[in-house]
Amino acid sequence: MEKISLTPQEILDKEFEIDVRGYRPQEVDKFLDLVINDYNEFIKEIKKLNKEVDFLNDENSKLKNELRRLKANIEAAEGSAQGNGSVSNVDLLRRLSQLEKVVYGKNERE
């Protein structure tokens, strides 16, 4: 957040010079402009981070679903291998290879 000029402590500690009629309006306006700009930057940053959080949550959910599906496929492959003596290690390796292509192929495109 390198665009932020002020810290909360700087705002708290800010003292304006007092002339005969009170604070100098130009000085106060200039300081308030800095505060407003900082708040605008904070709002932009918060919106950006919220979008990123939403995207990452969606991505996480997709990956969890894919993991569940792959685990179910592996369990099904293991179950059929145990229940049916005709499935060989070569068949299991082929199935795993196809699953890896699905998983890694999707990750390369994103």
PDB file of N, CA and C in Angstrom:
ATOM      1  N   MET A   1       0.829  -1.176   0.000  1.00  0.00           N
ATOM      2  CA  MET A   1       0.000   0.000   0.000  1.00  0.00           C
ATOM      3  C   MET A   1       0.877   1.246   0.000  1.00  0.00           C
ATOM      4  N   GLU A   2       1.793   1.308  -0.943  1.00  0.00           N
ATOM      5  CA  GLU A   2       2.746   2.401  -0.990  1.00  0.00           C
ATOM      6  C   GLU A   2       2.112   3.740  -1.353  1.00  0.00           C
ATOM      7  N   LYS A   3       0.861   3.753  -1.811  1.00  0.00           N
ATOM      8  CA  LYS A   3       0.202   5.005  -2.158  1.00  0.00           C
ATOM      9  C   LYS A   3      -0.388   5.706  -0.931  1.00  0.00           C
ATOM     10  N   ILE A   4      -0.442   5.022   0.185  1.00  0.00           N
ATOM     11  CA  ILE A   4      -1.006   5.596   1.404  1.00  0.00           C
ATOM     12  C   ILE A   4       0.021   6.539   2.026  1.00  0.00           C
ATOM     13  N   SER A   5      -0.379   7.792   2.235  1.00  0.00           N
ATOM     14  CA  SER A   5       0.553   8.803   2.741  1.00  0.00           C
ATOM     15  C   SER A   5       0.560   8.915   4.257  1.00  0.00           C
ATOM     16  N   LEU A   6      -0.567   8.642   4.891  1.00  0.00           N
ATOM     17  CA  LEU A   6      -0.699   8.888   6.322  1.00  0.00           C
ATOM     18  C   LEU A   6      -0.960   7.601   7.102  1.00  0.00           C
ATOM     19  N   THR A   7      -0.474   7.618   8.323  1.00  0.00           N
ATOM     20  CA  THR A   7      -0.814   6.543   9.250  1.00  0.00           C
ATOM     21  C   THR A   7      -1.858   7.084  10.221  1.00  0.00           C
ATOM     22  N   PRO A   8      -2.606   6.213  10.876  1.00  0.00           N
ATOM     23  CA  PRO A   8      -3.564   6.713  11.860  1.00  0.00           C
ATOM     24  C   PRO A   8      -2.892   7.573  12.935  1.00  0.00           C
ATOM     25  N   GLN A   9      -1.687   7.217  13.305  1.00  0.00           N
ATOM     26  CA  GLN A   9      -0.976   8.002  14.321  1.00  0.00           C
ATOM     27  C   GLN A   9      -0.648   9.399  13.812  1.00  0.00           C
ATOM     28  N   GLU A  10      -0.261   9.523  12.545  1.00  0.00           N
ATOM     29  CA  GLU A  10       0.028  10.839  11.974  1.00  0.00           C
ATOM     30  C   GLU A  10      -1.218  11.719  11.955  1.00  0.00           C
ATOM     31  N   ILE A  11      -2.365  11.114  11.649  1.00  0.00           N
ATOM     32  CA  ILE A  11      -3.613  11.873  11.679  1.00  0.00           C
ATOM     33  C   ILE A  11      -3.895  12.335  13.102  1.00  0.00           C
ATOM     34  N   LEU A  12      -3.717  11.426  14.041  1.00  0.00           N
ATOM     35  CA  LEU A  12      -3.974  11.754  15.444  1.00  0.00           C
ATOM     36  C   LEU A  12      -3.035  12.854  15.944  1.00  0.00           C
ATOM     37  N   ASP A  13      -1.787  12.797  15.535  1.00  0.00           N
ATOM     38  CA  ASP A  13      -0.780  13.730  16.026  1.00  0.00           C
ATOM     39  C   ASP A  13      -0.742  15.064  15.275  1.00  0.00           C
ATOM     40  N   LYS A  14      -1.481  15.176  14.184  1.00  0.00           N
ATOM     41  CA  LYS A  14      -1.417  16.385  13.360  1.00  0.00           C
ATOM     42  C   LYS A  14      -1.883  17.604  14.161  1.00  0.00           C
ATOM     43  N   GLU A  15      -1.058  18.639  14.154  1.00  0.00           N
ATOM     44  CA  GLU A  15      -1.404  19.900  14.799  1.00  0.00           C
ATOM     45  C   GLU A  15      -1.322  20.996  13.749  1.00  0.00           C
ATOM     46  N   PHE A  16      -2.371  21.790  13.635  1.00  0.00           N
ATOM     47  CA  PHE A  16      -2.413  22.892  12.685  1.00  0.00           C
ATOM     48  C   PHE A  16      -1.966  24.166  13.384  1.00  0.00           C
ATOM     49  N   GLU A  17      -1.302  25.015  12.616  1.00  0.00           N
ATOM     50  CA  GLU A  17      -0.896  26.305  13.160  1.00  0.00           C
ATOM     51  C   GLU A  17      -2.125  27.193  13.293  1.00  0.00           C
ATOM     52  N   ILE A  18      -2.181  27.907  14.361  1.00  0.00           N
ATOM     53  CA  ILE A  18      -3.315  28.795  14.604  1.00  0.00           C
ATOM     54  C   ILE A  18      -2.873  30.219  14.317  1.00  0.00           C
ATOM     55  N   ASP A  19      -3.633  30.901  13.450  1.00  0.00           N
ATOM     56  CA  ASP A  19      -3.336  32.317  13.255  1.00  0.00           C
ATOM     57  C   ASP A  19      -4.415  33.118  13.984  1.00  0.00           C
ATOM     58  N   VAL A  20      -4.512  34.371  13.709  1.00  0.00           N
ATOM     59  CA  VAL A  20      -5.386  35.270  14.463  1.00  0.00           C
ATOM     60  C   VAL A  20      -6.841  34.796  14.466  1.00  0.00           C
ATOM     61  N   ARG A  21      -7.324  34.313  13.366  1.00  0.00           N
ATOM     62  CA  ARG A  21      -8.727  33.914  13.286  1.00  0.00           C
ATOM     63  C   ARG A  21      -8.922  32.411  13.452  1.00  0.00           C
ATOM     64  N   GLY A  22      -7.925  31.659  13.832  1.00  0.00           N
ATOM     65  CA  GLY A  22      -8.052  30.207  14.010  1.00  0.00           C
ATOM     66  C   GLY A  22      -7.103  29.470  13.080  1.00  0.00           C
ATOM     67  N   TYR A  23      -7.460  28.255  12.738  1.00  0.00           N
ATOM     68  CA  TYR A  23      -6.629  27.455  11.843  1.00  0.00           C
ATOM     69  C   TYR A  23      -6.619  28.056  10.447  1.00  0.00           C
ATOM     70  N   ARG A  24      -5.544  27.809   9.746  1.00  0.00           N
ATOM     71  CA  ARG A  24      -5.446  28.267   8.360  1.00  0.00           C
ATOM     72  C   ARG A  24      -6.272  27.308   7.489  1.00  0.00           C
ATOM     73  N   PRO A  25      -7.309  27.802   6.852  1.00  0.00           N
ATOM     74  CA  PRO A  25      -8.193  26.923   6.063  1.00  0.00           C
ATOM     75  C   PRO A  25      -7.460  26.158   4.963  1.00  0.00           C
ATOM     76  N   GLN A  26      -6.494  26.784   4.323  1.00  0.00           N
ATOM     77  CA  GLN A  26      -5.756  26.112   3.253  1.00  0.00           C
ATOM     78  C   GLN A  26      -4.985  24.908   3.804  1.00  0.00           C
ATOM     79  N   GLU A  27      -4.400  25.074   4.970  1.00  0.00           N
ATOM     80  CA  GLU A  27      -3.633  23.995   5.583  1.00  0.00           C
ATOM     81  C   GLU A  27      -4.554  22.833   5.964  1.00  0.00           C
ATOM     82  N   VAL A  28      -5.693  23.172   6.544  1.00  0.00           N
ATOM     83  CA  VAL A  28      -6.658  22.139   6.929  1.00  0.00           C
ATOM     84  C   VAL A  28      -7.174  21.423   5.685  1.00  0.00           C
ATOM     85  N   ASP A  29      -7.514  22.177   4.648  1.00  0.00           N
ATOM     86  CA  ASP A  29      -8.017  21.573   3.414  1.00  0.00           C
ATOM     87  C   ASP A  29      -6.978  20.652   2.779  1.00  0.00           C
ATOM     88  N   LYS A  30      -5.736  21.098   2.775  1.00  0.00           N
ATOM     89  CA  LYS A  30      -4.659  20.273   2.199  1.00  0.00           C
ATOM     90  C   LYS A  30      -4.514  18.961   2.970  1.00  0.00           C
ATOM     91  N   PHE A  31      -4.561  19.055   4.293  1.00  0.00           N
ATOM     92  CA  PHE A  31      -4.447  17.849   5.116  1.00  0.00           C
ATOM     93  C   PHE A  31      -5.651  16.930   4.903  1.00  0.00           C
ATOM     94  N   LEU A  32      -6.836  17.495   4.864  1.00  0.00           N
ATOM     95  CA  LEU A  32      -8.033  16.681   4.651  1.00  0.00           C
ATOM     96  C   LEU A  32      -8.036  16.027   3.268  1.00  0.00           C
ATOM     97  N   ASP A  33      -7.462  16.708   2.279  1.00  0.00           N
ATOM     98  CA  ASP A  33      -7.324  16.095   0.951  1.00  0.00           C
ATOM     99  C   ASP A  33      -6.453  14.842   1.016  1.00  0.00           C
ATOM    100  N   LEU A  34      -5.379  14.916   1.790  1.00  0.00           N
ATOM    101  CA  LEU A  34      -4.529  13.730   1.978  1.00  0.00           C
ATOM    102  C   LEU A  34      -5.308  12.600   2.643  1.00  0.00           C
ATOM    103  N   VAL A  35      -6.088  12.936   3.672  1.00  0.00           N
ATOM    104  CA  VAL A  35      -6.881  11.926   4.376  1.00  0.00           C
ATOM    105  C   VAL A  35      -7.886  11.283   3.418  1.00  0.00           C
ATOM    106  N   ILE A  36      -8.559  12.103   2.633  1.00  0.00           N
ATOM    107  CA  ILE A  36      -9.541  11.591   1.674  1.00  0.00           C
ATOM    108  C   ILE A  36      -8.874  10.682   0.654  1.00  0.00           C
ATOM    109  N   ASN A  37      -7.734  11.091   0.134  1.00  0.00           N
ATOM    110  CA  ASN A  37      -7.017  10.253  -0.840  1.00  0.00           C
ATOM    111  C   ASN A  37      -6.616   8.915  -0.232  1.00  0.00           C
ATOM    112  N   ASP A  38      -6.156   8.958   1.020  1.00  0.00           N
ATOM    113  CA  ASP A  38      -5.788   7.712   1.682  1.00  0.00           C
ATOM    114  C   ASP A  38      -6.995   6.795   1.836  1.00  0.00           C
ATOM    115  N   TYR A  39      -8.100   7.346   2.251  1.00  0.00           N
ATOM    116  CA  TYR A  39      -9.294   6.521   2.409  1.00  0.00           C
ATOM    117  C   TYR A  39      -9.733   5.932   1.071  1.00  0.00           C
ATOM    118  N   ASN A  40      -9.628   6.701   0.005  1.00  0.00           N
ATOM    119  CA  ASN A  40      -9.962   6.175  -1.318  1.00  0.00           C
ATOM    120  C   ASN A  40      -9.052   5.007  -1.689  1.00  0.00           C
ATOM    121  N   GLU A  41      -7.770   5.144  -1.381  1.00  0.00           N
ATOM    122  CA  GLU A  41      -6.831   4.052  -1.656  1.00  0.00           C
ATOM    123  C   GLU A  41      -7.164   2.815  -0.815  1.00  0.00           C
ATOM    124  N   PHE A  42      -7.516   3.035   0.447  1.00  0.00           N
ATOM    125  CA  PHE A  42      -7.909   1.903   1.295  1.00  0.00           C
ATOM    126  C   PHE A  42      -9.130   1.195   0.723  1.00  0.00           C
ATOM    127  N   ILE A  43     -10.100   1.957   0.278  1.00  0.00           N
ATOM    128  CA  ILE A  43     -11.322   1.366  -0.283  1.00  0.00           C
ATOM    129  C   ILE A  43     -10.990   0.548  -1.525  1.00  0.00           C
ATOM    130  N   LYS A  44     -10.153   1.094  -2.410  1.00  0.00           N
ATOM    131  CA  LYS A  44      -9.744   0.351  -3.612  1.00  0.00           C
ATOM    132  C   LYS A  44      -9.034  -0.947  -3.239  1.00  0.00           C
ATOM    133  N   GLU A  45      -8.127  -0.859  -2.281  1.00  0.00           N
ATOM    134  CA  GLU A  45      -7.357  -2.035  -1.863  1.00  0.00           C
ATOM    135  C   GLU A  45      -8.272  -3.091  -1.247  1.00  0.00           C
ATOM    136  N   ILE A  46      -9.206  -2.667  -0.438  1.00  0.00           N
ATOM    137  CA  ILE A  46     -10.140  -3.603   0.192  1.00  0.00           C
ATOM    138  C   ILE A  46     -10.988  -4.296  -0.870  1.00  0.00           C
ATOM    139  N   LYS A  47     -11.492  -3.542  -1.843  1.00  0.00           N
ATOM    140  CA  LYS A  47     -12.297  -4.138  -2.918  1.00  0.00           C
ATOM    141  C   LYS A  47     -11.471  -5.149  -3.711  1.00  0.00           C
ATOM    142  N   LYS A  48     -10.233  -4.764  -4.024  1.00  0.00           N
ATOM    143  CA  LYS A  48      -9.350  -5.668  -4.779  1.00  0.00           C
ATOM    144  C   LYS A  48      -9.102  -6.950  -3.993  1.00  0.00           C
ATOM    145  N   LEU A  49      -8.817  -6.818  -2.707  1.00  0.00           N
ATOM    146  CA  LEU A  49      -8.538  -7.992  -1.884  1.00  0.00           C
ATOM    147  C   LEU A  49      -9.785  -8.857  -1.704  1.00  0.00           C
ATOM    148  N   ASN A  50     -10.947  -8.237  -1.588  1.00  0.00           N
ATOM    149  CA  ASN A  50     -12.182  -9.016  -1.492  1.00  0.00           C
ATOM    150  C   ASN A  50     -12.440  -9.810  -2.766  1.00  0.00           C
ATOM    151  N   LYS A  51     -12.172  -9.216  -3.920  1.00  0.00           N
ATOM    152  CA  LYS A  51     -12.311  -9.947  -5.186  1.00  0.00           C
ATOM    153  C   LYS A  51     -11.342 -11.122  -5.228  1.00  0.00           C
ATOM    154  N   GLU A  52     -10.125 -10.886  -4.791  1.00  0.00           N
ATOM    155  CA  GLU A  52      -9.119 -11.946  -4.782  1.00  0.00           C
ATOM    156  C   GLU A  52      -9.519 -13.079  -3.832  1.00  0.00           C
ATOM    157  N   VAL A  53     -10.061 -12.723  -2.672  1.00  0.00           N
ATOM    158  CA  VAL A  53     -10.529 -13.732  -1.718  1.00  0.00           C
ATOM    159  C   VAL A  53     -11.649 -14.556  -2.338  1.00  0.00           C
ATOM    160  N   ASP A  54     -12.595 -13.895  -2.999  1.00  0.00           N
ATOM    161  CA  ASP A  54     -13.690 -14.612  -3.652  1.00  0.00           C
ATOM    162  C   ASP A  54     -13.162 -15.566  -4.718  1.00  0.00           C
ATOM    163  N   PHE A  55     -12.230 -15.075  -5.539  1.00  0.00           N
ATOM    164  CA  PHE A  55     -11.650 -15.922  -6.582  1.00  0.00           C
ATOM    165  C   PHE A  55     -10.937 -17.132  -5.976  1.00  0.00           C
ATOM    166  N   LEU A  56     -10.138 -16.889  -4.943  1.00  0.00           N
ATOM    167  CA  LEU A  56      -9.393 -17.979  -4.317  1.00  0.00           C
ATOM    168  C   LEU A  56     -10.315 -18.981  -3.622  1.00  0.00           C
ATOM    169  N   ASN A  57     -11.398 -18.497  -3.020  1.00  0.00           N
ATOM    170  CA  ASN A  57     -12.375 -19.408  -2.420  1.00  0.00           C
ATOM    171  C   ASN A  57     -13.037 -20.281  -3.480  1.00  0.00           C
ATOM    172  N   ASP A  58     -13.389 -19.686  -4.618  1.00  0.00           N
ATOM    173  CA  ASP A  58     -13.968 -20.460  -5.721  1.00  0.00           C
ATOM    174  C   ASP A  58     -12.977 -21.502  -6.231  1.00  0.00           C
ATOM    175  N   GLU A  59     -11.747 -21.070  -6.410  1.00  0.00           N
ATOM    176  CA  GLU A  59     -10.706 -21.980  -6.898  1.00  0.00           C
ATOM    177  C   GLU A  59     -10.483 -23.120  -5.905  1.00  0.00           C
ATOM    178  N   ASN A  60     -10.461 -22.795  -4.628  1.00  0.00           N
ATOM    179  CA  ASN A  60     -10.283 -23.801  -3.584  1.00  0.00           C
ATOM    180  C   ASN A  60     -11.425 -24.808  -3.623  1.00  0.00           C
ATOM    181  N   SER A  61     -12.631 -24.318  -3.777  1.00  0.00           N
ATOM    182  CA  SER A  61     -13.799 -25.197  -3.836  1.00  0.00           C
ATOM    183  C   SER A  61     -13.717 -26.127  -5.048  1.00  0.00           C
ATOM    184  N   LYS A  62     -13.336 -25.571  -6.193  1.00  0.00           N
ATOM    185  CA  LYS A  62     -13.191 -26.399  -7.408  1.00  0.00           C
ATOM    186  C   LYS A  62     -12.138 -27.482  -7.205  1.00  0.00           C
ATOM    187  N   LEU A  63     -11.015 -27.112  -6.614  1.00  0.00           N
ATOM    188  CA  LEU A  63      -9.944 -28.083  -6.405  1.00  0.00           C
ATOM    189  C   LEU A  63     -10.349 -29.166  -5.405  1.00  0.00           C
ATOM    190  N   LYS A  64     -11.095 -28.800  -4.373  1.00  0.00           N
ATOM    191  CA  LYS A  64     -11.586 -29.798  -3.421  1.00  0.00           C
ATOM    192  C   LYS A  64     -12.524 -30.779  -4.104  1.00  0.00           C
ATOM    193  N   ASN A  65     -13.424 -30.255  -4.950  1.00  0.00           N
ATOM    194  CA  ASN A  65     -14.331 -31.135  -5.679  1.00  0.00           C
ATOM    195  C   ASN A  65     -13.576 -32.065  -6.613  1.00  0.00           C
ATOM    196  N   GLU A  66     -12.582 -31.531  -7.284  1.00  0.00           N
ATOM    197  CA  GLU A  66     -11.761 -32.354  -8.181  1.00  0.00           C
ATOM    198  C   GLU A  66     -11.019 -33.437  -7.394  1.00  0.00           C
ATOM    199  N   LEU A  67     -10.497 -33.073  -6.234  1.00  0.00           N
ATOM    200  CA  LEU A  67      -9.799 -34.036  -5.389  1.00  0.00           C
ATOM    201  C   LEU A  67     -10.741 -35.154  -4.939  1.00  0.00           C
ATOM    202  N   ARG A  68     -11.959 -34.779  -4.517  1.00  0.00           N
ATOM    203  CA  ARG A  68     -12.945 -35.793  -4.117  1.00  0.00           C
ATOM    204  C   ARG A  68     -13.250 -36.745  -5.270  1.00  0.00           C
ATOM    205  N   ARG A  69     -13.434 -36.156  -6.462  1.00  0.00           N
ATOM    206  CA  ARG A  69     -13.742 -36.977  -7.638  1.00  0.00           C
ATOM    207  C   ARG A  69     -12.589 -37.932  -7.958  1.00  0.00           C
ATOM    208  N   LEU A  70     -11.365 -37.430  -7.883  1.00  0.00           N
ATOM    209  CA  LEU A  70     -10.209 -38.270  -8.180  1.00  0.00           C
ATOM    210  C   LEU A  70     -10.043 -39.383  -7.139  1.00  0.00           C
ATOM    211  N   LYS A  71     -10.271 -39.040  -5.865  1.00  0.00           N
ATOM    212  CA  LYS A  71     -10.188 -40.066  -4.828  1.00  0.00           C
ATOM    213  C   LYS A  71     -11.239 -41.143  -5.049  1.00  0.00           C
ATOM    214  N   ALA A  72     -12.446 -40.718  -5.441  1.00  0.00           N
ATOM    215  CA  ALA A  72     -13.513 -41.690  -5.714  1.00  0.00           C
ATOM    216  C   ALA A  72     -13.128 -42.571  -6.892  1.00  0.00           C
ATOM    217  N   ASN A  73     -12.519 -41.997  -7.916  1.00  0.00           N
ATOM    218  CA  ASN A  73     -12.086 -42.792  -9.068  1.00  0.00           C
ATOM    219  C   ASN A  73     -10.997 -43.791  -8.680  1.00  0.00           C
ATOM    220  N   ILE A  74     -10.080 -43.345  -7.841  1.00  0.00           N
ATOM    221  CA  ILE A  74      -9.009 -44.242  -7.391  1.00  0.00           C
ATOM    222  C   ILE A  74      -9.581 -45.369  -6.545  1.00  0.00           C
ATOM    223  N   GLU A  75     -10.496 -45.018  -5.636  1.00  0.00           N
ATOM    224  CA  GLU A  75     -11.120 -46.051  -4.806  1.00  0.00           C
ATOM    225  C   GLU A  75     -11.904 -47.040  -5.660  1.00  0.00           C
ATOM    226  N   ALA A  76     -12.591 -46.518  -6.683  1.00  0.00           N
ATOM    227  CA  ALA A  76     -13.335 -47.406  -7.575  1.00  0.00           C
ATOM    228  C   ALA A  76     -12.384 -48.314  -8.343  1.00  0.00           C
ATOM    229  N   ALA A  77     -11.252 -47.749  -8.770  1.00  0.00           N
ATOM    230  CA  ALA A  77     -10.269 -48.549  -9.501  1.00  0.00           C
ATOM    231  C   ALA A  77      -9.672 -49.620  -8.590  1.00  0.00           C
ATOM    232  N   GLU A  78      -9.385 -49.249  -7.343  1.00  0.00           N
ATOM    233  CA  GLU A  78      -8.843 -50.222  -6.403  1.00  0.00           C
ATOM    234  C   GLU A  78      -9.871 -51.297  -6.074  1.00  0.00           C
ATOM    235  N   GLY A  79     -11.121 -50.873  -5.925  1.00  0.00           N
ATOM    236  CA  GLY A  79     -12.193 -51.828  -5.623  1.00  0.00           C
ATOM    237  C   GLY A  79     -12.391 -52.804  -6.766  1.00  0.00           C
ATOM    238  N   SER A  80     -12.364 -52.340  -7.992  1.00  0.00           N
ATOM    239  CA  SER A  80     -12.549 -53.251  -9.122  1.00  0.00           C
ATOM    240  C   SER A  80     -11.331 -54.148  -9.294  1.00  0.00           C
ATOM    241  N   ALA A  81     -10.152 -53.640  -8.920  1.00  0.00           N
ATOM    242  CA  ALA A  81      -8.948 -54.465  -9.015  1.00  0.00           C
ATOM    243  C   ALA A  81      -8.993 -55.596  -7.998  1.00  0.00           C
ATOM    244  N   GLN A  82      -9.521 -55.315  -6.807  1.00  0.00           N
ATOM    245  CA  GLN A  82      -9.606 -56.359  -5.784  1.00  0.00           C
ATOM    246  C   GLN A  82     -10.733 -57.325  -6.094  1.00  0.00           C
ATOM    247  N   GLY A  83     -11.817 -56.829  -6.616  1.00  0.00           N
ATOM    248  CA  GLY A  83     -12.973 -57.678  -6.899  1.00  0.00           C
ATOM    249  C   GLY A  83     -12.823 -58.441  -8.198  1.00  0.00           C
ATOM    250  N   ASN A  84     -11.998 -57.990  -9.066  1.00  0.00           N
ATOM    251  CA  ASN A  84     -11.852 -58.616 -10.377  1.00  0.00           C
ATOM    252  C   ASN A  84     -10.365 -58.862 -10.604  1.00  0.00           C
ATOM    253  N   GLY A  85      -9.962 -60.086 -10.632  1.00  0.00           N
ATOM    254  CA  GLY A  85      -8.553 -60.444 -10.772  1.00  0.00           C
ATOM    255  C   GLY A  85      -7.982 -60.100 -12.131  1.00  0.00           C
ATOM    256  N   SER A  86      -8.820 -59.708 -13.088  1.00  0.00           N
ATOM    257  CA  SER A  86      -8.331 -59.442 -14.435  1.00  0.00           C
ATOM    258  C   SER A  86      -7.705 -58.058 -14.575  1.00  0.00           C
ATOM    259  N   VAL A  87      -7.869 -57.147 -13.601  1.00  0.00           N
ATOM    260  CA  VAL A  87      -7.267 -55.820 -13.674  1.00  0.00           C
ATOM    261  C   VAL A  87      -5.815 -55.923 -13.209  1.00  0.00           C
ATOM    262  N   SER A  88      -4.928 -55.471 -14.067  1.00  0.00           N
ATOM    263  CA  SER A  88      -3.510 -55.597 -13.752  1.00  0.00           C
ATOM    264  C   SER A  88      -2.947 -54.264 -13.275  1.00  0.00           C
ATOM    265  N   ASN A  89      -1.720 -54.328 -12.843  1.00  0.00           N
ATOM    266  CA  ASN A  89      -1.039 -53.100 -12.443  1.00  0.00           C
ATOM    267  C   ASN A  89      -0.902 -52.137 -13.616  1.00  0.00           C
ATOM    268  N   VAL A  90      -0.729 -52.655 -14.800  1.00  0.00           N
ATOM    269  CA  VAL A  90      -0.613 -51.815 -15.985  1.00  0.00           C
ATOM    270  C   VAL A  90      -1.909 -51.035 -16.194  1.00  0.00           C
ATOM    271  N   ASP A  91      -3.049 -51.703 -15.991  1.00  0.00           N
ATOM    272  CA  ASP A  91      -4.340 -51.008 -16.124  1.00  0.00           C
ATOM    273  C   ASP A  91      -4.463 -49.894 -15.096  1.00  0.00           C
ATOM    274  N   LEU A  92      -4.055 -50.154 -13.870  1.00  0.00           N
ATOM    275  CA  LEU A  92      -4.114 -49.131 -12.829  1.00  0.00           C
ATOM    276  C   LEU A  92      -3.205 -47.947 -13.160  1.00  0.00           C
ATOM    277  N   LEU A  93      -2.007 -48.256 -13.666  1.00  0.00           N
ATOM    278  CA  LEU A  93      -1.090 -47.182 -14.042  1.00  0.00           C
ATOM    279  C   LEU A  93      -1.658 -46.331 -15.176  1.00  0.00           C
ATOM    280  N   ARG A  94      -2.324 -46.972 -16.131  1.00  0.00           N
ATOM    281  CA  ARG A  94      -2.955 -46.219 -17.226  1.00  0.00           C
ATOM    282  C   ARG A  94      -4.043 -45.293 -16.678  1.00  0.00           C
ATOM    283  N   ARG A  95      -4.851 -45.812 -15.762  1.00  0.00           N
ATOM    284  CA  ARG A  95      -5.932 -45.005 -15.180  1.00  0.00           C
ATOM    285  C   ARG A  95      -5.356 -43.817 -14.413  1.00  0.00           C
ATOM    286  N   LEU A  96      -4.315 -44.082 -13.630  1.00  0.00           N
ATOM    287  CA  LEU A  96      -3.670 -42.994 -12.889  1.00  0.00           C
ATOM    288  C   LEU A  96      -3.071 -41.958 -13.832  1.00  0.00           C
ATOM    289  N   SER A  97      -2.491 -42.415 -14.909  1.00  0.00           N
ATOM    290  CA  SER A  97      -1.913 -41.507 -15.891  1.00  0.00           C
ATOM    291  C   SER A  97      -2.996 -40.628 -16.500  1.00  0.00           C
ATOM    292  N   GLN A  98      -4.150 -41.219 -16.813  1.00  0.00           N
ATOM    293  CA  GLN A  98      -5.257 -40.429 -17.355  1.00  0.00           C
ATOM    294  C   GLN A  98      -5.757 -39.404 -16.341  1.00  0.00           C
ATOM    295  N   LEU A  99      -5.824 -39.802 -15.074  1.00  0.00           N
ATOM    296  CA  LEU A  99      -6.254 -38.870 -14.027  1.00  0.00           C
ATOM    297  C   LEU A  99      -5.260 -37.723 -13.881  1.00  0.00           C
ATOM    298  N   GLU A 100      -3.979 -38.030 -13.963  1.00  0.00           N
ATOM    299  CA  GLU A 100      -2.961 -36.981 -13.871  1.00  0.00           C
ATOM    300  C   GLU A 100      -3.081 -36.005 -15.033  1.00  0.00           C
ATOM    301  N   LYS A 101      -3.370 -36.518 -16.224  1.00  0.00           N
ATOM    302  CA  LYS A 101      -3.547 -35.634 -17.378  1.00  0.00           C
ATOM    303  C   LYS A 101      -4.720 -34.694 -17.163  1.00  0.00           C
ATOM    304  N   VAL A 102      -5.793 -35.218 -16.571  1.00  0.00           N
ATOM    305  CA  VAL A 102      -6.959 -34.380 -16.303  1.00  0.00           C
ATOM    306  C   VAL A 102      -6.590 -33.290 -15.316  1.00  0.00           C
ATOM    307  N   VAL A 103      -5.941 -33.668 -14.216  1.00  0.00           N
ATOM    308  CA  VAL A 103      -5.612 -32.704 -13.170  1.00  0.00           C
ATOM    309  C   VAL A 103      -4.571 -31.700 -13.663  1.00  0.00           C
ATOM    310  N   TYR A 104      -3.473 -32.168 -14.164  1.00  0.00           N
ATOM    311  CA  TYR A 104      -2.393 -31.268 -14.555  1.00  0.00           C
ATOM    312  C   TYR A 104      -2.724 -30.508 -15.824  1.00  0.00           C
ATOM    313  N   GLY A 105      -3.490 -31.102 -16.689  1.00  0.00           N
ATOM    314  CA  GLY A 105      -3.901 -30.412 -17.920  1.00  0.00           C
ATOM    315  C   GLY A 105      -4.730 -29.200 -17.592  1.00  0.00           C
ATOM    316  N   LYS A 106      -5.655 -29.313 -16.616  1.00  0.00           N
ATOM    317  CA  LYS A 106      -6.490 -28.177 -16.231  1.00  0.00           C
ATOM    318  C   LYS A 106      -5.641 -27.101 -15.570  1.00  0.00           C
ATOM    319  N   ASN A 107      -4.682 -27.477 -14.749  1.00  0.00           N
ATOM    320  CA  ASN A 107      -3.862 -26.500 -14.060  1.00  0.00           C
ATOM    321  C   ASN A 107      -2.988 -25.711 -15.012  1.00  0.00           C
ATOM    322  N   GLU A 108      -2.540 -26.339 -16.104  1.00  0.00           N
ATOM    323  CA  GLU A 108      -1.674 -25.640 -17.057  1.00  0.00           C
ATOM    324  C   GLU A 108      -2.450 -24.576 -17.828  1.00  0.00           C
ATOM    325  N   ARG A 109      -3.755 -24.830 -18.091  1.00  0.00           N
ATOM    326  CA  ARG A 109      -4.547 -23.865 -18.845  1.00  0.00           C
ATOM    327  C   ARG A 109      -4.939 -22.672 -18.013  1.00  0.00           C
ATOM    328  N   GLU A 110      -5.000 -22.747 -16.703  1.00  0.00           N
ATOM    329  CA  GLU A 110      -5.474 -21.664 -15.838  1.00  0.00           C
ATOM    330  C   GLU A 110      -4.374 -20.714 -15.462  1.00  0.00           C
TER     331      GLU A 110
END
